[in-house]
Each structure stands twice: as C-alpha cells, then as structure tokens.
Amino acid sequence: MAEHEHTVYILKCGDNSLYTGYTNDLENRLTMHNEGKGAKYTRGRGPFQVVFVEKFSTKEEALQKEYQIKQRSRKEKFELIRDKLKEVMQFGHTEKL
C-alpha cells in the first residue's frame, strides 16, 4: 500500500527553514532525514517537524505539486501550510458531528 502512495511534504527544520520533498515512503524518508542521510539541504538542520503532507495517486501529480510549492516564497509556503491546517481542522470537526 505505502509503495503506491506518492507524497509531497514540507519539513520545518531546526533552524526554522522549510524543506519541501517528495517520497513514496514518508516514514522511511523522515528516518533518513533524521539520520543525516536524507537531502543534502537537511543535513545538520534537525530536528524536523512535518508541517504539510499531501498524497497523490501518481508520481507525476506529486512531482508537479512539489515543483509548484518550491516556486513559492517562504510566506506563500506558510500560507499553504495554514490553509491545509484549516482544512484538516474543519474536516476533524465535521467528523465529530
């Protein structure tokens, strides 16, 4: 199941910077980042906090989203994170009704 999940994620690094990435195994990828074996950018920038996750059915869709996010400014990335959080909170609230 996990091997067919194409995920775009944003990490908030220990230095308060943001890293956007793609994976088909988020748990393993986070382990790699934490061990310093992930992306060159994230080495030495831990600890990490996952602040955004979006799943896609195809790798192509996920890579397009990753590219779109990487083109955004820092402010726009935080707006995206905030909007996703609102969506999750709203969905969570609806589930309880």
PDB file of N, CA and C in Angstrom:
ATOM      1  N   MET A   1       0.828  -1.205   0.000  1.00  0.00           N
ATOM      2  CA  MET A   1       0.000   0.000   0.000  1.00  0.00           C
ATOM      3  C   MET A   1       0.866   1.261   0.000  1.00  0.00           C
ATOM      4  N   ALA A   2       1.825   1.353   0.923  1.00  0.00           N
ATOM      5  CA  ALA A   2       2.649   2.557   1.034  1.00  0.00           C
ATOM      6  C   ALA A   2       3.475   2.802  -0.224  1.00  0.00           C
ATOM      7  N   GLU A   3       3.850   1.718  -0.929  1.00  0.00           N
ATOM      8  CA  GLU A   3       4.673   1.904  -2.110  1.00  0.00           C
ATOM      9  C   GLU A   3       3.919   2.590  -3.241  1.00  0.00           C
ATOM     10  N   HIS A   4       2.592   2.652  -3.131  1.00  0.00           N
ATOM     11  CA  HIS A   4       1.784   3.308  -4.159  1.00  0.00           C
ATOM     12  C   HIS A   4       1.323   4.695  -3.724  1.00  0.00           C
ATOM     13  N   GLU A   5       1.768   5.130  -2.555  1.00  0.00           N
ATOM     14  CA  GLU A   5       1.421   6.460  -2.064  1.00  0.00           C
ATOM     15  C   GLU A   5       2.507   7.436  -2.476  1.00  0.00           C
ATOM     16  N   HIS A   6       2.133   8.421  -3.231  1.00  0.00           N
ATOM     17  CA  HIS A   6       3.084   9.448  -3.659  1.00  0.00           C
ATOM     18  C   HIS A   6       2.799  10.681  -2.820  1.00  0.00           C
ATOM     19  N   THR A   7       3.774  11.077  -2.022  1.00  0.00           N
ATOM     20  CA  THR A   7       3.566  12.098  -1.010  1.00  0.00           C
ATOM     21  C   THR A   7       4.500  13.285  -1.203  1.00  0.00           C
ATOM     22  N   VAL A   8       3.926  14.477  -1.092  1.00  0.00           N
ATOM     23  CA  VAL A   8       4.704  15.712  -1.051  1.00  0.00           C
ATOM     24  C   VAL A   8       4.615  16.202   0.387  1.00  0.00           C
ATOM     25  N   TYR A   9       5.745  16.618   0.932  1.00  0.00           N
ATOM     26  CA  TYR A   9       5.763  17.038   2.329  1.00  0.00           C
ATOM     27  C   TYR A   9       6.634  18.275   2.498  1.00  0.00           C
ATOM     28  N   ILE A  10       6.348  19.006   3.572  1.00  0.00           N
ATOM     29  CA  ILE A  10       7.182  20.149   3.945  1.00  0.00           C
ATOM     30  C   ILE A  10       7.645  19.913   5.373  1.00  0.00           C
ATOM     31  N   LEU A  11       8.952  20.057   5.575  1.00  0.00           N
ATOM     32  CA  LEU A  11       9.532  19.963   6.912  1.00  0.00           C
ATOM     33  C   LEU A  11       9.904  21.349   7.389  1.00  0.00           C
ATOM     34  N   LYS A  12       9.647  21.615   8.648  1.00  0.00           N
ATOM     35  CA  LYS A  12      10.184  22.803   9.293  1.00  0.00           C
ATOM     36  C   LYS A  12      11.442  22.328  10.012  1.00  0.00           C
ATOM     37  N   CYS A  13      12.565  22.874   9.626  1.00  0.00           N
ATOM     38  CA  CYS A  13      13.851  22.449  10.167  1.00  0.00           C
ATOM     39  C   CYS A  13      14.139  23.155  11.486  1.00  0.00           C
ATOM     40  N   GLY A  14      15.122  22.629  12.214  1.00  0.00           N
ATOM     41  CA  GLY A  14      15.510  23.206  13.499  1.00  0.00           C
ATOM     42  C   GLY A  14      15.942  24.654  13.404  1.00  0.00           C
ATOM     43  N   ASP A  15      16.443  25.072  12.236  1.00  0.00           N
ATOM     44  CA  ASP A  15      16.873  26.464  12.052  1.00  0.00           C
ATOM     45  C   ASP A  15      15.729  27.340  11.529  1.00  0.00           C
ATOM     46  N   ASN A  16      14.501  26.790  11.560  1.00  0.00           N
ATOM     47  CA  ASN A  16      13.278  27.500  11.157  1.00  0.00           C
ATOM     48  C   ASN A  16      13.140  27.642   9.638  1.00  0.00           C
ATOM     49  N   SER A  17      13.997  26.975   8.878  1.00  0.00           N
ATOM     50  CA  SER A  17      13.843  26.983   7.425  1.00  0.00           C
ATOM     51  C   SER A  17      12.848  25.892   7.030  1.00  0.00           C
ATOM     52  N   LEU A  18      12.413  25.929   5.778  1.00  0.00           N
ATOM     53  CA  LEU A  18      11.462  24.946   5.267  1.00  0.00           C
ATOM     54  C   LEU A  18      12.113  24.111   4.176  1.00  0.00           C
ATOM     55  N   TYR A  19      11.807  22.811   4.167  1.00  0.00           N
ATOM     56  CA  TYR A  19      12.285  21.913   3.124  1.00  0.00           C
ATOM     57  C   TYR A  19      11.079  21.206   2.525  1.00  0.00           C
ATOM     58  N   THR A  20      10.967  21.218   1.208  1.00  0.00           N
ATOM     59  CA  THR A  20       9.883  20.544   0.506  1.00  0.00           C
ATOM     60  C   THR A  20      10.455  19.344  -0.221  1.00  0.00           C
ATOM     61  N   GLY A  21       9.780  18.197  -0.092  1.00  0.00           N
ATOM     62  CA  GLY A  21      10.273  16.996  -0.748  1.00  0.00           C
ATOM     63  C   GLY A  21       9.159  16.090  -1.226  1.00  0.00           C
ATOM     64  N   TYR A  22       9.571  15.065  -1.971  1.00  0.00           N
ATOM     65  CA  TYR A  22       8.668  14.042  -2.495  1.00  0.00           C
ATOM     66  C   TYR A  22       9.168  12.677  -2.025  1.00  0.00           C
ATOM     67  N   THR A  23       8.241  11.768  -1.737  1.00  0.00           N
ATOM     68  CA  THR A  23       8.611  10.403  -1.402  1.00  0.00           C
ATOM     69  C   THR A  23       7.431   9.469  -1.654  1.00  0.00           C
ATOM     70  N   ASN A  24       7.730   8.186  -1.727  1.00  0.00           N
ATOM     71  CA  ASN A  24       6.650   7.203  -1.776  1.00  0.00           C
ATOM     72  C   ASN A  24       6.639   6.389  -0.482  1.00  0.00           C
ATOM     73  N   ASP A  25       7.462   6.803   0.500  1.00  0.00           N
ATOM     74  CA  ASP A  25       7.509   6.164   1.818  1.00  0.00           C
ATOM     75  C   ASP A  25       7.922   7.222   2.836  1.00  0.00           C
ATOM     76  N   LEU A  26       6.946   7.964   3.336  1.00  0.00           N
ATOM     77  CA  LEU A  26       7.231   9.117   4.193  1.00  0.00           C
ATOM     78  C   LEU A  26       7.946   8.717   5.479  1.00  0.00           C
ATOM     79  N   GLU A  27       7.522   7.642   6.112  1.00  0.00           N
ATOM     80  CA  GLU A  27       8.147   7.229   7.366  1.00  0.00           C
ATOM     81  C   GLU A  27       9.642   6.950   7.170  1.00  0.00           C
ATOM     82  N   ASN A  28       9.976   6.214   6.122  1.00  0.00           N
ATOM     83  CA  ASN A  28      11.373   5.909   5.827  1.00  0.00           C
ATOM     84  C   ASN A  28      12.146   7.180   5.474  1.00  0.00           C
ATOM     85  N   ARG A  29      11.533   8.057   4.729  1.00  0.00           N
ATOM     86  CA  ARG A  29      12.201   9.302   4.316  1.00  0.00           C
ATOM     87  C   ARG A  29      12.514  10.174   5.530  1.00  0.00           C
ATOM     88  N   LEU A  30      11.589  10.246   6.473  1.00  0.00           N
ATOM     89  CA  LEU A  30      11.823  11.035   7.687  1.00  0.00           C
ATOM     90  C   LEU A  30      12.969  10.435   8.502  1.00  0.00           C
ATOM     91  N   THR A  31      13.030   9.110   8.552  1.00  0.00           N
ATOM     92  CA  THR A  31      14.141   8.442   9.233  1.00  0.00           C
ATOM     93  C   THR A  31      15.457   8.831   8.575  1.00  0.00           C
ATOM     94  N   MET A  32      15.475   8.835   7.250  1.00  0.00           N
ATOM     95  CA  MET A  32      16.689   9.207   6.515  1.00  0.00           C
ATOM     96  C   MET A  32      17.102  10.648   6.846  1.00  0.00           C
ATOM     97  N   HIS A  33      16.127  11.569   6.857  1.00  0.00           N
ATOM     98  CA  HIS A  33      16.442  12.965   7.196  1.00  0.00           C
ATOM     99  C   HIS A  33      17.035  13.038   8.602  1.00  0.00           C
ATOM    100  N   ASN A  34      16.403  12.347   9.557  1.00  0.00           N
ATOM    101  CA  ASN A  34      16.861  12.390  10.949  1.00  0.00           C
ATOM    102  C   ASN A  34      18.240  11.779  11.127  1.00  0.00           C
ATOM    103  N   GLU A  35      18.606  10.823  10.278  1.00  0.00           N
ATOM    104  CA  GLU A  35      19.926  10.191  10.364  1.00  0.00           C
ATOM    105  C   GLU A  35      20.976  10.952   9.563  1.00  0.00           C
ATOM    106  N   GLY A  36      20.578  12.059   8.927  1.00  0.00           N
ATOM    107  CA  GLY A  36      21.520  12.844   8.136  1.00  0.00           C
ATOM    108  C   GLY A  36      21.798  12.239   6.779  1.00  0.00           C
ATOM    109  N   LYS A  37      20.965  11.296   6.364  1.00  0.00           N
ATOM    110  CA  LYS A  37      21.151  10.620   5.078  1.00  0.00           C
ATOM    111  C   LYS A  37      20.093  11.044   4.060  1.00  0.00           C
ATOM    112  N   GLY A  38      19.273  12.010   4.431  1.00  0.00           N
ATOM    113  CA  GLY A  38      18.234  12.487   3.516  1.00  0.00           C
ATOM    114  C   GLY A  38      18.841  13.484   2.542  1.00  0.00           C
ATOM    115  N   ALA A  39      18.104  14.488   2.216  1.00  0.00           N
ATOM    116  CA  ALA A  39      18.565  15.513   1.286  1.00  0.00           C
ATOM    117  C   ALA A  39      19.761  16.267   1.864  1.00  0.00           C
ATOM    118  N   LYS A  40      20.644  16.683   0.984  1.00  0.00           N
ATOM    119  CA  LYS A  40      21.826  17.442   1.404  1.00  0.00           C
ATOM    120  C   LYS A  40      21.406  18.671   2.212  1.00  0.00           C
ATOM    121  N   TYR A  41      20.334  19.331   1.777  1.00  0.00           N
ATOM    122  CA  TYR A  41      19.880  20.557   2.445  1.00  0.00           C
ATOM    123  C   TYR A  41      19.563  20.322   3.917  1.00  0.00           C
ATOM    124  N   THR A  42      18.970  19.169   4.236  1.00  0.00           N
ATOM    125  CA  THR A  42      18.500  18.949   5.605  1.00  0.00           C
ATOM    126  C   THR A  42      19.592  18.475   6.561  1.00  0.00           C
ATOM    127  N   ARG A  43      20.744  18.089   6.055  1.00  0.00           N
ATOM    128  CA  ARG A  43      21.813  17.600   6.937  1.00  0.00           C
ATOM    129  C   ARG A  43      22.229  18.678   7.930  1.00  0.00           C
ATOM    130  N   GLY A  44      22.181  18.321   9.201  1.00  0.00           N
ATOM    131  CA  GLY A  44      22.576  19.262  10.251  1.00  0.00           C
ATOM    132  C   GLY A  44      21.523  20.303  10.583  1.00  0.00           C
ATOM    133  N   ARG A  45      20.332  20.185   9.999  1.00  0.00           N
ATOM    134  CA  ARG A  45      19.283  21.177  10.254  1.00  0.00           C
ATOM    135  C   ARG A  45      18.154  20.648  11.141  1.00  0.00           C
ATOM    136  N   GLY A  46      18.309  19.471  11.701  1.00  0.00           N
ATOM    137  CA  GLY A  46      17.280  18.889  12.568  1.00  0.00           C
ATOM    138  C   GLY A  46      17.215  19.613  13.896  1.00  0.00           C
ATOM    139  N   PRO A  47      16.247  19.331  14.720  1.00  0.00           N
ATOM    140  CA  PRO A  47      15.170  18.364  14.499  1.00  0.00           C
ATOM    141  C   PRO A  47      14.142  18.889  13.496  1.00  0.00           C
ATOM    142  N   PHE A  48      13.366  17.955  12.953  1.00  0.00           N
ATOM    143  CA  PHE A  48      12.391  18.302  11.928  1.00  0.00           C
ATOM    144  C   PHE A  48      10.970  18.136  12.430  1.00  0.00           C
ATOM    145  N   GLN A  49      10.111  18.977  11.892  1.00  0.00           N
ATOM    146  CA  GLN A  49       8.684  18.871  12.185  1.00  0.00           C
ATOM    147  C   GLN A  49       7.956  18.832  10.840  1.00  0.00           C
ATOM    148  N   VAL A  50       7.141  17.807  10.643  1.00  0.00           N
ATOM    149  CA  VAL A  50       6.348  17.719   9.412  1.00  0.00           C
ATOM    150  C   VAL A  50       5.196  18.704   9.551  1.00  0.00           C
ATOM    151  N   VAL A  51       5.131  19.676   8.646  1.00  0.00           N
ATOM    152  CA  VAL A  51       4.096  20.705   8.748  1.00  0.00           C
ATOM    153  C   VAL A  51       3.091  20.661   7.597  1.00  0.00           C
ATOM    154  N   PHE A  52       3.360  19.806   6.597  1.00  0.00           N
ATOM    155  CA  PHE A  52       2.463  19.709   5.449  1.00  0.00           C
ATOM    156  C   PHE A  52       2.646  18.346   4.806  1.00  0.00           C
ATOM    157  N   VAL A  53       1.528  17.682   4.503  1.00  0.00           N
ATOM    158  CA  VAL A  53       1.563  16.408   3.796  1.00  0.00           C
ATOM    159  C   VAL A  53       0.389  16.387   2.828  1.00  0.00           C
ATOM    160  N   GLU A  54       0.656  16.026   1.588  1.00  0.00           N
ATOM    161  CA  GLU A  54      -0.408  15.842   0.604  1.00  0.00           C
ATOM    162  C   GLU A  54      -0.081  14.597  -0.208  1.00  0.00           C
ATOM    163  N   LYS A  55      -1.072  13.723  -0.355  1.00  0.00           N
ATOM    164  CA  LYS A  55      -0.867  12.457  -1.065  1.00  0.00           C
ATOM    165  C   LYS A  55      -1.505  12.501  -2.446  1.00  0.00           C
ATOM    166  N   PHE A  56      -0.871  11.807  -3.383  1.00  0.00           N
ATOM    167  CA  PHE A  56      -1.342  11.766  -4.767  1.00  0.00           C
ATOM    168  C   PHE A  56      -1.365  10.321  -5.256  1.00  0.00           C
ATOM    169  N   SER A  57      -2.183  10.061  -6.264  1.00  0.00           N
ATOM    170  CA  SER A  57      -2.273   8.702  -6.797  1.00  0.00           C
ATOM    171  C   SER A  57      -1.161   8.406  -7.804  1.00  0.00           C
ATOM    172  N   THR A  58      -0.564   9.447  -8.383  1.00  0.00           N
ATOM    173  CA  THR A  58       0.523   9.208  -9.335  1.00  0.00           C
ATOM    174  C   THR A  58       1.764  10.019  -8.956  1.00  0.00           C
ATOM    175  N   LYS A  59       2.908   9.493  -9.342  1.00  0.00           N
ATOM    176  CA  LYS A  59       4.174  10.179  -9.084  1.00  0.00           C
ATOM    177  C   LYS A  59       4.213  11.510  -9.818  1.00  0.00           C
ATOM    178  N   GLU A  60       3.687  11.523 -11.043  1.00  0.00           N
ATOM    179  CA  GLU A  60       3.695  12.750 -11.851  1.00  0.00           C
ATOM    180  C   GLU A  60       2.959  13.882 -11.151  1.00  0.00           C
ATOM    181  N   GLU A  61       1.772  13.581 -10.612  1.00  0.00           N
ATOM    182  CA  GLU A  61       0.998  14.610  -9.901  1.00  0.00           C
ATOM    183  C   GLU A  61       1.777  15.133  -8.699  1.00  0.00           C
ATOM    184  N   ALA A  62       2.385  14.216  -7.959  1.00  0.00           N
ATOM    185  CA  ALA A  62       3.138  14.601  -6.763  1.00  0.00           C
ATOM    186  C   ALA A  62       4.328  15.480  -7.123  1.00  0.00           C
ATOM    187  N   LEU A  63       5.058  15.098  -8.165  1.00  0.00           N
ATOM    188  CA  LEU A  63       6.238  15.885  -8.557  1.00  0.00           C
ATOM    189  C   LEU A  63       5.836  17.270  -9.066  1.00  0.00           C
ATOM    190  N   GLN A  64       4.693  17.354  -9.733  1.00  0.00           N
ATOM    191  CA  GLN A  64       4.204  18.668 -10.173  1.00  0.00           C
ATOM    192  C   GLN A  64       3.889  19.545  -8.967  1.00  0.00           C
ATOM    193  N   LYS A  65       3.246  18.964  -7.942  1.00  0.00           N
ATOM    194  CA  LYS A  65       2.915  19.727  -6.736  1.00  0.00           C
ATOM    195  C   LYS A  65       4.188  20.156  -6.008  1.00  0.00           C
ATOM    196  N   GLU A  66       5.159  19.248  -5.922  1.00  0.00           N
ATOM    197  CA  GLU A  66       6.425  19.580  -5.274  1.00  0.00           C
ATOM    198  C   GLU A  66       7.073  20.775  -5.984  1.00  0.00           C
ATOM    199  N   TYR A  67       7.088  20.744  -7.301  1.00  0.00           N
ATOM    200  CA  TYR A  67       7.666  21.843  -8.080  1.00  0.00           C
ATOM    201  C   TYR A  67       6.919  23.147  -7.814  1.00  0.00           C
ATOM    202  N   GLN A  68       5.576  23.085  -7.811  1.00  0.00           N
ATOM    203  CA  GLN A  68       4.768  24.286  -7.561  1.00  0.00           C
ATOM    204  C   GLN A  68       5.082  24.880  -6.193  1.00  0.00           C
ATOM    205  N   ILE A  69       5.198  24.024  -5.186  1.00  0.00           N
ATOM    206  CA  ILE A  69       5.498  24.517  -3.837  1.00  0.00           C
ATOM    207  C   ILE A  69       6.884  25.145  -3.794  1.00  0.00           C
ATOM    208  N   LYS A  70       7.846  24.525  -4.442  1.00  0.00           N
ATOM    209  CA  LYS A  70       9.216  25.046  -4.420  1.00  0.00           C
ATOM    210  C   LYS A  70       9.328  26.405  -5.108  1.00  0.00           C
ATOM    211  N   GLN A  71       8.381  26.724  -5.968  1.00  0.00           N
ATOM    212  CA  GLN A  71       8.389  28.023  -6.646  1.00  0.00           C
ATOM    213  C   GLN A  71       7.820  29.135  -5.762  1.00  0.00           C
ATOM    214  N   ARG A  72       7.172  28.775  -4.689  1.00  0.00           N
ATOM    215  CA  ARG A  72       6.534  29.761  -3.806  1.00  0.00           C
ATOM    216  C   ARG A  72       7.550  30.424  -2.890  1.00  0.00           C
ATOM    217  N   SER A  73       7.190  31.611  -2.449  1.00  0.00           N
ATOM    218  CA  SER A  73       8.018  32.307  -1.468  1.00  0.00           C
ATOM    219  C   SER A  73       7.789  31.657  -0.098  1.00  0.00           C
ATOM    220  N   ARG A  74       8.647  31.974   0.843  1.00  0.00           N
ATOM    221  CA  ARG A  74       8.502  31.450   2.212  1.00  0.00           C
ATOM    222  C   ARG A  74       7.126  31.803   2.764  1.00  0.00           C
ATOM    223  N   LYS A  75       6.712  33.042   2.563  1.00  0.00           N
ATOM    224  CA  LYS A  75       5.405  33.495   3.059  1.00  0.00           C
ATOM    225  C   LYS A  75       4.283  32.668   2.427  1.00  0.00           C
ATOM    226  N   GLU A  76       4.373  32.426   1.133  1.00  0.00           N
ATOM    227  CA  GLU A  76       3.338  31.655   0.436  1.00  0.00           C
ATOM    228  C   GLU A  76       3.314  30.197   0.913  1.00  0.00           C
ATOM    229  N   LYS A  77       4.486  29.666   1.257  1.00  0.00           N
ATOM    230  CA  LYS A  77       4.533  28.301   1.791  1.00  0.00           C
ATOM    231  C   LYS A  77       3.827  28.245   3.140  1.00  0.00           C
ATOM    232  N   PHE A  78       4.048  29.240   3.989  1.00  0.00           N
ATOM    233  CA  PHE A  78       3.368  29.263   5.286  1.00  0.00           C
ATOM    234  C   PHE A  78       1.858  29.430   5.107  1.00  0.00           C
ATOM    235  N   GLU A  79       1.440  30.180   4.093  1.00  0.00           N
ATOM    236  CA  GLU A  79       0.005  30.316   3.801  1.00  0.00           C
ATOM    237  C   GLU A  79      -0.576  28.967   3.376  1.00  0.00           C
ATOM    238  N   LEU A  80       0.161  28.226   2.568  1.00  0.00           N
ATOM    239  CA  LEU A  80      -0.263  26.899   2.135  1.00  0.00           C
ATOM    240  C   LEU A  80      -0.405  25.970   3.348  1.00  0.00           C
ATOM    241  N   ILE A  81       0.571  26.007   4.242  1.00  0.00           N
ATOM    242  CA  ILE A  81       0.549  25.186   5.453  1.00  0.00           C
ATOM    243  C   ILE A  81      -0.662  25.562   6.307  1.00  0.00           C
ATOM    244  N   ARG A  82      -0.894  26.854   6.473  1.00  0.00           N
ATOM    245  CA  ARG A  82      -2.028  27.333   7.268  1.00  0.00           C
ATOM    246  C   ARG A  82      -3.358  26.882   6.663  1.00  0.00           C
ATOM    247  N   ASP A  83      -3.476  27.007   5.339  1.00  0.00           N
ATOM    248  CA  ASP A  83      -4.707  26.607   4.662  1.00  0.00           C
ATOM    249  C   ASP A  83      -4.957  25.113   4.812  1.00  0.00           C
ATOM    250  N   LYS A  84      -3.901  24.315   4.727  1.00  0.00           N
ATOM    251  CA  LYS A  84      -4.035  22.863   4.877  1.00  0.00           C
ATOM    252  C   LYS A  84      -4.453  22.524   6.305  1.00  0.00           C
ATOM    253  N   LEU A  85      -3.892  23.234   7.279  1.00  0.00           N
ATOM    254  CA  LEU A  85      -4.249  23.010   8.676  1.00  0.00           C
ATOM    255  C   LEU A  85      -5.721  23.347   8.909  1.00  0.00           C
ATOM    256  N   LYS A  86      -6.187  24.447   8.325  1.00  0.00           N
ATOM    257  CA  LYS A  86      -7.601  24.821   8.450  1.00  0.00           C
ATOM    258  C   LYS A  86      -8.488  23.722   7.878  1.00  0.00           C
ATOM    259  N   GLU A  87      -8.083  23.181   6.735  1.00  0.00           N
ATOM    260  CA  GLU A  87      -8.834  22.115   6.072  1.00  0.00           C
ATOM    261  C   GLU A  87      -8.906  20.879   6.978  1.00  0.00           C
ATOM    262  N   VAL A  88      -7.793  20.526   7.583  1.00  0.00           N
ATOM    263  CA  VAL A  88      -7.746  19.370   8.482  1.00  0.00           C
ATOM    264  C   VAL A  88      -8.618  19.610   9.705  1.00  0.00           C
ATOM    265  N   MET A  89      -8.525  20.808  10.271  1.00  0.00           N
ATOM    266  CA  MET A  89      -9.318  21.143  11.459  1.00  0.00           C
ATOM    267  C   MET A  89     -10.810  21.111  11.139  1.00  0.00           C
ATOM    268  N   GLN A  90     -11.174  21.627   9.982  1.00  0.00           N
ATOM    269  CA  GLN A  90     -12.570  21.649   9.583  1.00  0.00           C
ATOM    270  C   GLN A  90     -13.070  20.225   9.362  1.00  0.00           C
ATOM    271  N   PHE A  91     -12.263  19.411   8.718  1.00  0.00           N
ATOM    272  CA  PHE A  91     -12.637  18.025   8.454  1.00  0.00           C
ATOM    273  C   PHE A  91     -12.781  17.275   9.783  1.00  0.00           C
ATOM    274  N   GLY A  92     -11.844  17.485  10.692  1.00  0.00           N
ATOM    275  CA  GLY A  92     -11.891  16.849  12.006  1.00  0.00           C
ATOM    276  C   GLY A  92     -13.146  17.234  12.756  1.00  0.00           C
ATOM    277  N   HIS A  93     -13.527  18.505  12.666  1.00  0.00           N
ATOM    278  CA  HIS A  93     -14.732  18.992  13.347  1.00  0.00           C
ATOM    279  C   HIS A  93     -15.975  18.343  12.741  1.00  0.00           C
ATOM    280  N   THR A  94     -16.021  18.266  11.419  1.00  0.00           N
ATOM    281  CA  THR A  94     -17.154  17.666  10.724  1.00  0.00           C
ATOM    282  C   THR A  94     -17.308  16.201  11.116  1.00  0.00           C
ATOM    283  N   GLU A  95     -16.195  15.500  11.298  1.00  0.00           N
ATOM    284  CA  GLU A  95     -16.229  14.080  11.653  1.00  0.00           C
ATOM    285  C   GLU A  95     -16.925  13.859  12.990  1.00  0.00           C
ATOM    286  N   LYS A  96     -16.799  14.817  13.909  1.00  0.00           N
ATOM    287  CA  LYS A  96     -17.360  14.663  15.250  1.00  0.00           C
ATOM    288  C   LYS A  96     -18.863  14.890  15.288  1.00  0.00           C
ATOM    289  N   LEU A  97     -19.405  15.537  14.258  1.00  0.00           N
ATOM    290  CA  LEU A  97     -20.834  15.832  14.261  1.00  0.00           C
ATOM    291  C   LEU A  97     -21.687  14.607  14.037  1.00  0.00           C
TER     292      LEU A  97
END
